Amino acid sequence: MAPLAKAFKDLGWEVSGSDHKEIYPPMSTYLLENKIPYIVGYCRENVPSDADLVVVGRSALLVDPQNPEYLRAKELNLNVRSYPEVLVDYLVKKNSVVIAGTYGKTTISSLVAWILKNAGLNPSYMTGGISLNLKDGVRITNSEYSVVEGDEPPALFETDPPKFMFYKPKYLLLTATKWDHPEVFKTEKEYLEAFRKLVQLLPFDGFLIYNKNSVSKSVWEKFAGRRISYSFEDSDADFWVEKIVRKKEKTFFKISGKNEIFELETVLLGDHNLENICGAVALCFSLNVSKEIIVNSVRSFLGVKTRLEFLGKFGGRFLYWDLAQHPQKVKGTVYALRQHYPKEKIIVVYHPSASVLKYRQILPSLETVFDPVDQVIVAKTGSLKGIPREERVSGLDLAKSISKTQKNVFYQPVKEKIIDYLQKNTKEGEIIVFLSSGGLEFFSLIEETKKRLNEK
């Protein structure tokens, strides 16, 4: 929402906003730097009676279905739109590129937007994070191209279609269809059906890019148009990764496909990011972007903030932060760190805040995920309203599932005790990675850990 506010301000609009509680970095910093005012707390008086547009985020109604600002806007008969509706009205273009799937969306959409920008196509774009290359997460241009990260959850109300159904894809990339968002999709069958409906939106003159190893065949097999597959090291795909050479600061590798070989280098860590890059390369090359521009863009791409972001060295320890929550995302992150630091001790602080981790059926998926690391600390967890008691998951439950293959794990809900442990039980040269989608409490944990580790 903050990057969308900035995009409208760039167009000359007067913009303000609100949230139910205090906003934390990086978005609070972003709003401050761009001089976009916001109010903490929802109140009827926050809604200007002459507003031309009121954008309502789904979380605003999840927090309070009787949100006073939403009700006031409706009473005033203002132009009230959901986030995806606004993107369709102002950002989505004739050549709409949509990136969807369980994971990898933000990195791929950021890289695709970066490549198309360097190709002179000046795309409009929306990515779900702050790219370290692109100035903003949302940009509205007069180009005929747009790149949008497509999420699965509904637009505003539970009965609404998934957000990605609004974006009118002409070119679609699917990263994975591993069941997620159980609070919305009660079964894997429901989850896959949402992606099948998305694929059905593609015009015959468009194309579908899909991860050969992670996207269910039932999702893509009935699309009669152009289909292009990609993979990490599976040479049966149309594009695949090979000949990987890892050095301390960069990874060198090749992508083969369509009678072309791309010799590439990247500062991003991990096999999952090589797979992400492969998808982006397959898509952009299929859009007739030149090989030279693709290679140079991959080389200069720095990644996305809070996606395995290196926070710095504190007290001799190397600190990272990643939004990874879903077991498959976590697996990619920890394996990437182990590849980069093959001999160093790696400690994970896991903050299980994602909705998928609130349901008991996810527990078996956590087995083996943390095996590459040396220590796991499960931080404070909570439950979602509406989940029956017998289906709820506690922090102890998560730790128990992890412990089936990773013996060095414990649950610690008290922030100060986690910081004490990290200060007393880690040494210079060791790696600490925080896995969390954020929140003020977790952000303060990271900041206080930095300070304590720097103390002598």
Protein backbone atom coordinates (compact mmCIF):
# COMPACT_ATOMS: atom_id res chain seq x y z
CA MET A 1 0.00 0.00 0.00
CA ALA A 2 2.85 2.40 0.77
CA PRO A 3 4.47 2.05 -2.69
CA LEU A 4 1.02 2.47 -4.27
CA ALA A 5 0.58 5.71 -2.31
CA LYS A 6 3.97 6.88 -3.61
CA ALA A 7 2.98 5.98 -7.20
CA PHE A 8 -0.12 8.17 -6.94
CA LYS A 9 1.88 10.99 -5.39
CA ASP A 10 4.27 10.80 -8.37
CA LEU A 11 1.22 11.30 -10.60
CA GLY A 12 0.41 14.52 -8.75
CA TRP A 13 -2.27 13.22 -6.39
CA GLU A 14 -2.63 14.34 -2.77
CA VAL A 15 -2.29 11.13 -0.76
CA SER A 16 -2.78 10.14 2.87
CA GLY A 17 -3.42 6.87 4.67
CA SER A 18 -3.98 5.01 7.91
CA ASP A 19 -3.18 1.71 9.60
CA HIS A 20 -4.55 0.00 12.68
CA LYS A 21 -1.20 0.07 14.48
CA GLU A 22 2.24 1.59 14.23
CA ILE A 23 4.06 0.94 10.95
CA TYR A 24 7.61 -0.43 11.15
CA PRO A 25 10.63 -0.25 8.81
CA PRO A 26 11.18 -0.52 5.95
CA MET A 27 7.73 0.93 5.12
CA SER A 28 7.66 3.54 7.90
CA THR A 29 11.00 4.85 6.64
CA TYR A 30 9.74 4.77 3.05
CA LEU A 31 6.64 6.85 3.91
CA LEU A 32 8.70 9.34 5.90
CA GLU A 33 11.29 9.79 3.14
CA ASN A 34 8.54 10.37 0.57
CA LYS A 35 6.58 12.74 2.85
CA ILE A 36 3.39 10.71 2.76
CA PRO A 37 1.34 11.35 5.93
CA TYR A 38 -0.43 8.53 7.73
CA ILE A 39 -2.50 8.12 10.87
CA VAL A 40 -2.26 5.28 13.40
CA GLY A 41 -5.71 3.95 14.20
CA TYR A 42 -8.92 3.81 12.17
CA CYS A 43 -11.38 6.67 12.60
CA ARG A 44 -14.30 8.01 10.53
CA GLU A 45 -12.78 11.49 10.54
CA ASN A 46 -9.70 10.22 8.67
CA VAL A 47 -11.71 9.96 5.42
CA PRO A 48 -11.86 13.25 3.46
CA SER A 49 -15.40 13.85 2.23
CA ASP A 50 -14.09 15.01 -1.15
CA ALA A 51 -11.71 12.09 -1.78
CA ASP A 52 -11.58 11.03 -5.44
CA LEU A 53 -10.44 7.51 -4.56
CA VAL A 54 -10.41 5.37 -1.40
CA VAL A 55 -8.22 2.25 -1.58
CA VAL A 56 -9.03 -0.41 1.00
CA GLY A 57 -6.57 -3.15 1.88
CA ARG A 58 -7.88 -6.59 2.83
CA SER A 59 -6.09 -6.45 6.18
CA ALA A 60 -8.12 -3.38 7.17
CA LEU A 61 -11.31 -5.46 7.09
CA LEU A 62 -9.67 -8.52 8.62
CA VAL A 63 -8.71 -6.41 11.63
CA ASP A 64 -12.21 -4.97 11.86
CA PRO A 65 -15.03 -6.10 9.52
CA GLN A 66 -16.88 -2.95 10.63
CA ASN A 67 -13.91 -0.73 9.84
CA PRO A 68 -15.15 2.83 10.52
CA GLU A 69 -13.20 4.34 7.62
CA TYR A 70 -14.55 1.81 5.14
CA LEU A 71 -18.12 2.37 6.39
CA ARG A 72 -17.68 6.16 6.25
CA ALA A 73 -16.39 6.01 2.67
CA LYS A 74 -19.39 3.91 1.65
CA GLU A 75 -21.78 6.30 3.42
CA LEU A 76 -20.27 9.21 1.48
CA ASN A 77 -20.71 7.24 -1.74
CA LEU A 78 -17.01 7.68 -2.54
CA ASN A 79 -15.10 5.67 -5.14
CA VAL A 80 -14.05 2.72 -2.93
CA ARG A 81 -11.78 0.16 -4.59
CA SER A 82 -9.76 -2.86 -3.50
CA TYR A 83 -6.02 -2.95 -4.15
CA PRO A 84 -6.18 -5.21 -7.25
CA GLU A 85 -9.05 -3.17 -8.72
CA VAL A 86 -6.91 -0.05 -8.47
CA LEU A 87 -4.01 -1.80 -10.20
CA VAL A 88 -6.31 -2.82 -13.06
CA ASP A 89 -7.66 0.75 -13.37
CA TYR A 90 -4.28 2.51 -13.34
CA LEU A 91 -1.33 0.12 -13.76
CA VAL A 92 -2.15 -3.07 -15.71
CA LYS A 93 -1.48 -2.61 -19.43
CA LYS A 94 -2.20 -4.32 -22.76
CA ASN A 95 0.92 -6.49 -22.46
CA SER A 96 0.28 -7.67 -18.91
CA VAL A 97 2.98 -9.87 -17.37
CA VAL A 98 1.81 -11.64 -14.21
CA ILE A 99 4.09 -13.59 -11.85
CA ALA A 100 2.20 -16.00 -9.58
CA GLY A 101 2.91 -19.03 -7.42
CA THR A 102 3.62 -20.16 -3.89
CA TYR A 103 7.07 -18.58 -3.64
CA GLY A 104 9.69 -16.66 -5.61
CA LYS A 105 7.19 -14.12 -6.94
CA THR A 106 8.78 -10.96 -5.56
CA THR A 107 12.31 -11.77 -6.71
CA ILE A 108 11.16 -12.80 -10.20
CA SER A 109 8.78 -9.88 -10.71
CA SER A 110 11.49 -7.44 -9.57
CA LEU A 111 14.05 -8.98 -11.93
CA VAL A 112 11.61 -9.06 -14.87
CA ALA A 113 10.71 -5.39 -14.30
CA TRP A 114 14.43 -4.56 -14.11
CA ILE A 115 15.20 -6.40 -17.38
CA LEU A 116 12.27 -4.79 -19.22
CA LYS A 117 13.27 -1.38 -17.89
CA ASN A 118 16.82 -1.90 -19.19
CA ALA A 119 15.33 -3.01 -22.51
CA GLY A 120 13.71 0.41 -22.85
CA LEU A 121 10.14 -0.88 -22.43
CA ASN A 122 9.51 1.38 -19.39
CA PRO A 123 7.03 -1.01 -17.77
CA SER A 124 4.50 -0.20 -15.09
CA TYR A 125 5.07 -2.64 -12.24
CA MET A 126 3.99 -3.83 -8.82
CA THR A 127 6.27 -6.06 -6.75
CA GLY A 128 5.57 -7.32 -3.25
CA GLY A 129 8.75 -5.89 -1.76
CA ILE A 130 11.36 -3.19 -2.12
CA SER A 131 13.77 -4.04 -4.92
CA LEU A 132 17.35 -2.89 -4.36
CA ASN A 133 17.46 -1.85 -8.05
CA LEU A 134 14.08 -0.27 -8.65
CA LYS A 135 13.29 2.98 -6.92
CA ASP A 136 9.82 1.92 -5.82
CA GLY A 137 7.70 -1.20 -5.42
CA VAL A 138 4.93 0.30 -7.56
CA ARG A 139 5.35 2.47 -10.66
CA ILE A 140 2.75 3.68 -13.14
CA THR A 141 3.99 4.61 -16.62
CA ASN A 142 2.54 5.20 -20.08
CA SER A 143 4.14 2.01 -21.44
CA GLU A 144 2.11 -0.80 -23.00
CA TYR A 145 3.85 -3.26 -20.65
CA SER A 146 3.14 -4.02 -17.01
CA VAL A 147 4.66 -6.51 -14.57
CA VAL A 148 2.53 -7.49 -11.57
CA GLU A 149 3.13 -9.91 -8.73
CA GLY A 150 -0.09 -11.93 -8.42
CA ASP A 151 -1.15 -13.15 -4.98
CA GLU A 152 -3.62 -15.96 -4.29
CA PRO A 153 -5.68 -14.48 -1.41
CA PRO A 154 -9.01 -12.78 -2.23
CA ALA A 155 -9.14 -9.10 -3.16
CA LEU A 156 -11.14 -7.83 -0.18
CA PHE A 157 -13.84 -10.17 1.08
CA GLU A 158 -13.64 -13.95 1.47
CA THR A 159 -16.08 -14.37 -1.41
CA ASP A 160 -13.92 -12.29 -3.79
CA PRO A 161 -11.74 -13.98 -6.42
CA PRO A 162 -7.97 -14.21 -5.83
CA LYS A 163 -6.09 -10.99 -6.48
CA PHE A 164 -4.28 -12.48 -9.46
CA MET A 165 -7.59 -12.99 -11.28
CA PHE A 166 -7.89 -9.22 -11.78
CA TYR A 167 -4.65 -8.61 -13.67
CA LYS A 168 -5.65 -9.73 -17.20
CA PRO A 169 -2.46 -11.71 -17.95
CA LYS A 170 -1.24 -11.98 -21.49
CA TYR A 171 2.04 -13.50 -20.30
CA LEU A 172 1.98 -15.63 -17.14
CA LEU A 173 4.82 -17.14 -15.11
CA LEU A 174 4.00 -19.75 -12.45
CA THR A 175 6.71 -20.47 -9.88
CA ALA A 176 5.09 -23.26 -7.86
CA THR A 177 1.72 -24.58 -6.76
CA LYS A 178 2.53 -25.94 -3.30
CA TRP A 179 -0.56 -25.65 -1.08
CA ASP A 180 -0.59 -22.42 0.92
CA HIS A 181 -3.08 -20.05 2.61
CA PRO A 182 -5.20 -22.76 4.25
CA GLU A 183 -7.32 -20.04 5.85
CA VAL A 184 -8.58 -19.33 2.30
CA PHE A 185 -8.10 -22.63 0.43
CA LYS A 186 -9.30 -25.42 2.71
CA THR A 187 -7.78 -28.16 0.55
CA GLU A 188 -4.96 -28.54 -1.95
CA LYS A 189 -7.62 -29.20 -4.60
CA GLU A 190 -9.14 -25.73 -4.00
CA TYR A 191 -5.68 -24.16 -4.18
CA LEU A 192 -4.86 -25.80 -7.52
CA GLU A 193 -8.26 -24.87 -8.93
CA ALA A 194 -7.47 -21.18 -8.37
CA PHE A 195 -4.36 -21.50 -10.52
CA ARG A 196 -6.22 -23.45 -13.20
CA LYS A 197 -8.71 -20.58 -13.47
CA LEU A 198 -5.83 -18.13 -13.75
CA VAL A 199 -4.30 -20.06 -16.65
CA GLN A 200 -7.69 -20.06 -18.38
CA LEU A 201 -7.50 -16.25 -18.58
CA LEU A 202 -4.53 -16.39 -20.95
CA PRO A 203 -5.26 -15.42 -24.56
CA PHE A 204 -4.11 -17.78 -27.28
CA ASP A 205 -1.53 -15.23 -28.50
CA GLY A 206 0.00 -15.03 -25.02
CA PHE A 207 2.20 -17.63 -23.36
CA LEU A 208 2.66 -19.56 -20.13
CA ILE A 209 6.04 -19.97 -18.40
CA TYR A 210 6.00 -22.60 -15.64
CA ASN A 211 8.40 -24.33 -13.29
CA LYS A 212 8.53 -27.90 -14.57
CA ASN A 213 9.29 -29.39 -11.16
CA SER A 214 7.07 -27.31 -8.88
CA VAL A 215 3.88 -26.55 -10.82
CA SER A 216 1.22 -29.27 -10.93
CA LYS A 217 0.65 -30.68 -14.41
CA SER A 218 -3.09 -30.35 -13.78
CA VAL A 219 -2.64 -26.56 -13.76
CA TRP A 220 -0.91 -26.12 -17.12
CA GLU A 221 -1.70 -29.16 -19.26
CA LYS A 222 -4.99 -27.85 -20.74
CA PHE A 223 -3.61 -24.52 -21.93
CA ALA A 224 -3.56 -24.84 -25.72
CA GLY A 225 -1.32 -21.85 -26.36
CA ARG A 226 2.45 -21.49 -26.13
CA ARG A 227 3.93 -23.24 -23.07
CA ILE A 228 7.53 -22.82 -21.93
CA SER A 229 9.02 -24.69 -18.99
CA TYR A 230 12.03 -23.87 -16.81
CA SER A 231 13.85 -25.75 -14.10
CA PHE A 232 16.84 -25.91 -11.83
CA GLU A 233 19.16 -28.43 -13.55
CA ASP A 234 16.45 -30.48 -15.30
CA SER A 235 17.54 -30.61 -18.94
CA ASP A 236 14.10 -31.87 -20.00
CA ALA A 237 12.79 -28.33 -19.45
CA ASP A 238 12.92 -25.67 -22.16
CA PHE A 239 15.31 -23.59 -20.00
CA TRP A 240 17.51 -25.00 -17.25
CA VAL A 241 20.47 -24.11 -15.03
CA GLU A 242 23.85 -25.82 -15.36
CA LYS A 243 27.60 -25.50 -14.73
CA ILE A 244 27.35 -23.67 -11.41
CA VAL A 245 30.52 -22.23 -9.87
CA ARG A 246 30.13 -20.62 -6.44
CA LYS A 247 32.62 -18.08 -5.18
CA LYS A 248 32.53 -16.07 -1.98
CA GLU A 249 30.65 -13.05 -3.33
CA LYS A 250 29.18 -14.27 -6.62
CA THR A 251 27.76 -17.32 -8.34
CA PHE A 252 28.64 -18.04 -11.97
CA PHE A 253 26.34 -20.31 -13.98
CA LYS A 254 24.77 -20.99 -17.35
CA ILE A 255 21.17 -21.18 -18.50
CA SER A 256 20.58 -23.34 -21.57
CA GLY A 257 17.50 -23.30 -23.72
CA LYS A 258 15.96 -22.53 -27.10
CA ASN A 259 19.32 -23.09 -28.83
CA GLU A 260 20.85 -20.36 -26.68
CA ILE A 261 23.29 -20.41 -23.78
CA PHE A 262 23.30 -17.54 -21.31
CA GLU A 263 26.53 -17.15 -19.34
CA LEU A 264 25.49 -15.39 -16.15
CA GLU A 265 26.67 -14.20 -12.77
CA THR A 266 24.71 -13.09 -9.72
CA VAL A 267 25.23 -11.84 -6.17
CA LEU A 268 22.06 -13.64 -5.02
CA LEU A 269 22.57 -16.69 -2.82
CA GLY A 270 21.16 -20.17 -3.26
CA ASP A 271 19.84 -22.63 -5.81
CA HIS A 272 16.32 -21.27 -5.41
CA ASN A 273 17.50 -17.89 -6.70
CA LEU A 274 19.23 -19.49 -9.68
CA GLU A 275 15.88 -21.14 -10.41
CA ASN A 276 14.13 -17.75 -10.04
CA ILE A 277 16.60 -16.17 -12.45
CA CYS A 278 16.01 -19.01 -14.91
CA GLY A 279 12.29 -18.27 -14.92
CA ALA A 280 12.87 -14.56 -15.47
CA VAL A 281 15.33 -15.25 -18.30
CA ALA A 282 12.89 -17.64 -20.00
CA LEU A 283 10.12 -15.05 -19.81
CA CYS A 284 12.14 -12.06 -21.03
CA PHE A 285 13.82 -13.98 -23.83
CA SER A 286 10.35 -15.13 -24.94
CA LEU A 287 9.40 -11.44 -25.05
CA ASN A 288 12.29 -10.94 -27.51
CA VAL A 289 14.52 -9.03 -25.12
CA SER A 290 18.11 -9.27 -26.35
CA LYS A 291 20.52 -11.75 -24.79
CA GLU A 292 22.99 -8.94 -23.99
CA ILE A 293 20.43 -6.93 -22.03
CA ILE A 294 19.30 -10.02 -20.11
CA VAL A 295 22.88 -11.00 -19.17
CA ASN A 296 23.81 -7.46 -18.06
CA SER A 297 20.56 -7.05 -16.10
CA VAL A 298 21.06 -10.31 -14.19
CA ARG A 299 24.63 -9.27 -13.37
CA SER A 300 23.51 -5.91 -11.97
CA PHE A 301 20.43 -7.20 -10.11
CA LEU A 302 20.91 -6.87 -6.34
CA GLY A 303 17.78 -8.63 -5.13
CA VAL A 304 14.95 -7.58 -2.85
CA LYS A 305 15.04 -6.11 0.64
CA THR A 306 14.35 -8.71 3.39
CA ARG A 307 14.81 -11.59 0.95
CA LEU A 308 17.96 -13.13 2.43
CA GLU A 309 19.13 -9.59 3.05
CA PHE A 310 22.55 -9.22 4.66
CA LEU A 311 22.03 -6.89 7.62
CA GLY A 312 25.70 -6.50 8.41
CA LYS A 313 28.35 -7.73 10.81
CA PHE A 314 27.64 -7.22 14.53
CA GLY A 315 30.06 -8.35 17.18
CA GLY A 316 31.76 -10.40 14.48
CA ARG A 317 28.54 -12.30 13.67
CA PHE A 318 26.98 -12.19 10.21
CA LEU A 319 23.28 -11.29 10.43
CA TYR A 320 20.64 -11.98 7.75
CA TRP A 321 16.89 -11.40 7.53
CA ASP A 322 14.51 -13.27 5.24
CA LEU A 323 10.70 -13.20 5.08
CA ALA A 324 10.67 -16.98 4.62
CA GLN A 325 7.80 -18.65 6.51
CA HIS A 326 6.34 -21.39 4.31
CA PRO A 327 8.43 -24.59 4.75
CA GLN A 328 9.47 -24.59 1.08
CA LYS A 329 10.65 -20.97 1.32
CA VAL A 330 12.54 -21.71 4.54
CA LYS A 331 14.22 -24.70 2.92
CA GLY A 332 15.47 -22.56 0.04
CA THR A 333 16.84 -19.95 2.43
CA VAL A 334 18.69 -22.23 4.84
CA TYR A 335 20.14 -24.37 2.06
CA ALA A 336 21.36 -21.20 0.33
CA LEU A 337 23.12 -20.08 3.51
CA ARG A 338 24.73 -23.50 3.97
CA GLN A 339 26.01 -23.43 0.39
CA HIS A 340 27.50 -19.99 0.96
CA TYR A 341 28.87 -20.82 4.44
CA PRO A 342 29.72 -24.54 4.23
CA LYS A 343 31.70 -24.74 7.50
CA GLU A 344 30.38 -21.92 9.68
CA LYS A 345 27.82 -22.40 12.46
CA ILE A 346 24.36 -21.17 11.40
CA ILE A 347 21.68 -20.23 13.97
CA VAL A 348 18.06 -19.64 12.88
CA VAL A 349 15.54 -17.55 14.79
CA TYR A 350 12.20 -18.66 13.35
CA HIS A 351 9.19 -16.39 13.94
CA PRO A 352 6.15 -18.43 12.83
CA SER A 353 3.69 -15.68 11.97
CA ALA A 354 2.36 -16.87 8.58
CA SER A 355 -1.20 -18.17 8.49
CA VAL A 356 -0.12 -21.47 6.91
CA LEU A 357 1.79 -22.26 10.12
CA LYS A 358 -1.34 -22.00 12.28
CA TYR A 359 -2.82 -25.29 10.98
CA ARG A 360 -1.79 -28.76 12.17
CA GLN A 361 -1.66 -30.23 8.66
CA ILE A 362 1.46 -28.16 7.91
CA LEU A 363 3.52 -29.81 10.68
CA PRO A 364 4.90 -32.77 8.67
CA SER A 365 6.19 -30.29 6.06
CA LEU A 366 8.65 -28.88 8.61
CA GLU A 367 10.57 -32.14 8.91
CA THR A 368 14.06 -31.97 7.27
CA VAL A 369 13.60 -28.29 6.35
CA PHE A 370 16.07 -27.04 8.98
CA ASP A 371 18.56 -29.90 8.67
CA PRO A 372 21.38 -27.82 7.10
CA VAL A 373 21.66 -25.46 10.12
CA ASP A 374 23.17 -25.95 13.56
CA GLN A 375 20.55 -24.43 15.85
CA VAL A 376 16.89 -23.40 15.56
CA ILE A 377 15.05 -21.12 17.99
CA VAL A 378 11.28 -20.96 17.52
CA ALA A 379 10.07 -17.54 18.65
CA LYS A 380 6.66 -16.49 19.94
CA THR A 381 3.67 -17.67 17.95
CA GLY A 382 -0.05 -16.98 18.10
CA SER A 383 -3.27 -18.41 16.68
CA LEU A 384 -5.78 -17.11 14.16
CA LYS A 385 -9.38 -16.48 15.14
CA GLY A 386 -11.79 -19.08 13.88
CA ILE A 387 -9.41 -22.05 13.95
CA PRO A 388 -10.88 -24.89 16.08
CA ARG A 389 -8.77 -25.64 19.14
CA GLU A 390 -7.93 -29.15 17.95
CA GLU A 391 -6.48 -27.76 14.70
CA ARG A 392 -4.39 -24.98 16.27
CA VAL A 393 -0.62 -25.08 16.37
CA SER A 394 1.56 -23.89 19.23
CA GLY A 395 5.22 -22.94 19.17
CA LEU A 396 5.96 -26.18 21.01
CA ASP A 397 4.19 -28.13 18.27
CA LEU A 398 6.35 -26.48 15.63
CA ALA A 399 9.54 -27.17 17.59
CA LYS A 400 8.51 -30.80 18.08
CA SER A 401 7.99 -31.32 14.34
CA ILE A 402 11.32 -29.68 13.50
CA SER A 403 13.05 -31.84 16.13
CA LYS A 404 12.15 -35.05 14.31
CA THR A 405 15.16 -34.46 12.06
CA GLN A 406 16.86 -31.41 13.64
CA LYS A 407 17.71 -32.13 17.28
CA ASN A 408 19.05 -28.67 18.14
CA VAL A 409 15.76 -26.80 18.41
CA PHE A 410 13.84 -25.16 21.24
CA TYR A 411 10.85 -22.89 21.69
CA GLN A 412 11.41 -19.52 23.37
CA PRO A 413 8.51 -17.02 23.35
CA VAL A 414 10.31 -14.36 25.40
CA LYS A 415 12.20 -11.89 23.21
CA GLU A 416 14.75 -10.90 25.86
CA LYS A 417 15.73 -14.52 26.46
CA ILE A 418 16.35 -15.06 22.75
CA ILE A 419 18.65 -12.03 22.71
CA ASP A 420 20.48 -13.32 25.82
CA TYR A 421 20.97 -16.70 24.16
CA LEU A 422 22.34 -15.16 20.96
CA GLN A 423 24.75 -12.97 22.88
CA LYS A 424 26.06 -15.73 25.15
CA ASN A 425 25.99 -18.74 22.82
CA THR A 426 27.32 -17.38 19.52
CA LYS A 427 30.82 -16.37 18.47
CA GLU A 428 32.57 -14.26 15.89
CA GLY A 429 32.33 -15.67 12.38
CA GLU A 430 28.98 -17.42 13.03
CA ILE A 431 25.79 -16.77 11.09
CA ILE A 432 22.46 -15.68 12.59
CA VAL A 433 19.44 -15.59 10.28
CA PHE A 434 16.06 -14.18 11.31
CA LEU A 435 13.13 -15.77 9.47
CA SER A 436 10.03 -13.63 9.85
CA SER A 437 7.49 -11.67 7.86
CA GLY A 438 8.03 -8.85 10.30
CA GLY A 439 5.98 -6.99 12.88
CA LEU A 440 7.12 -4.41 15.41
CA GLU A 441 7.98 -7.04 18.02
CA PHE A 442 10.24 -8.99 15.69
CA PHE A 443 11.79 -5.87 14.21
CA SER A 444 12.72 -4.72 17.73
CA LEU A 445 14.20 -8.20 18.38
CA ILE A 446 16.54 -7.74 15.42
CA GLU A 447 17.50 -4.19 16.38
CA GLU A 448 18.15 -5.08 20.04
CA THR A 449 20.17 -8.14 19.00
CA LYS A 450 22.40 -5.90 16.87
CA LYS A 451 23.05 -3.60 19.83
CA ARG A 452 23.74 -6.41 22.30
CA LEU A 453 26.13 -8.22 19.98
CA ASN A 454 28.14 -5.03 19.53
CA GLU A 455 28.54 -4.71 23.29
CA LYS A 456 31.85 -5.88 24.66
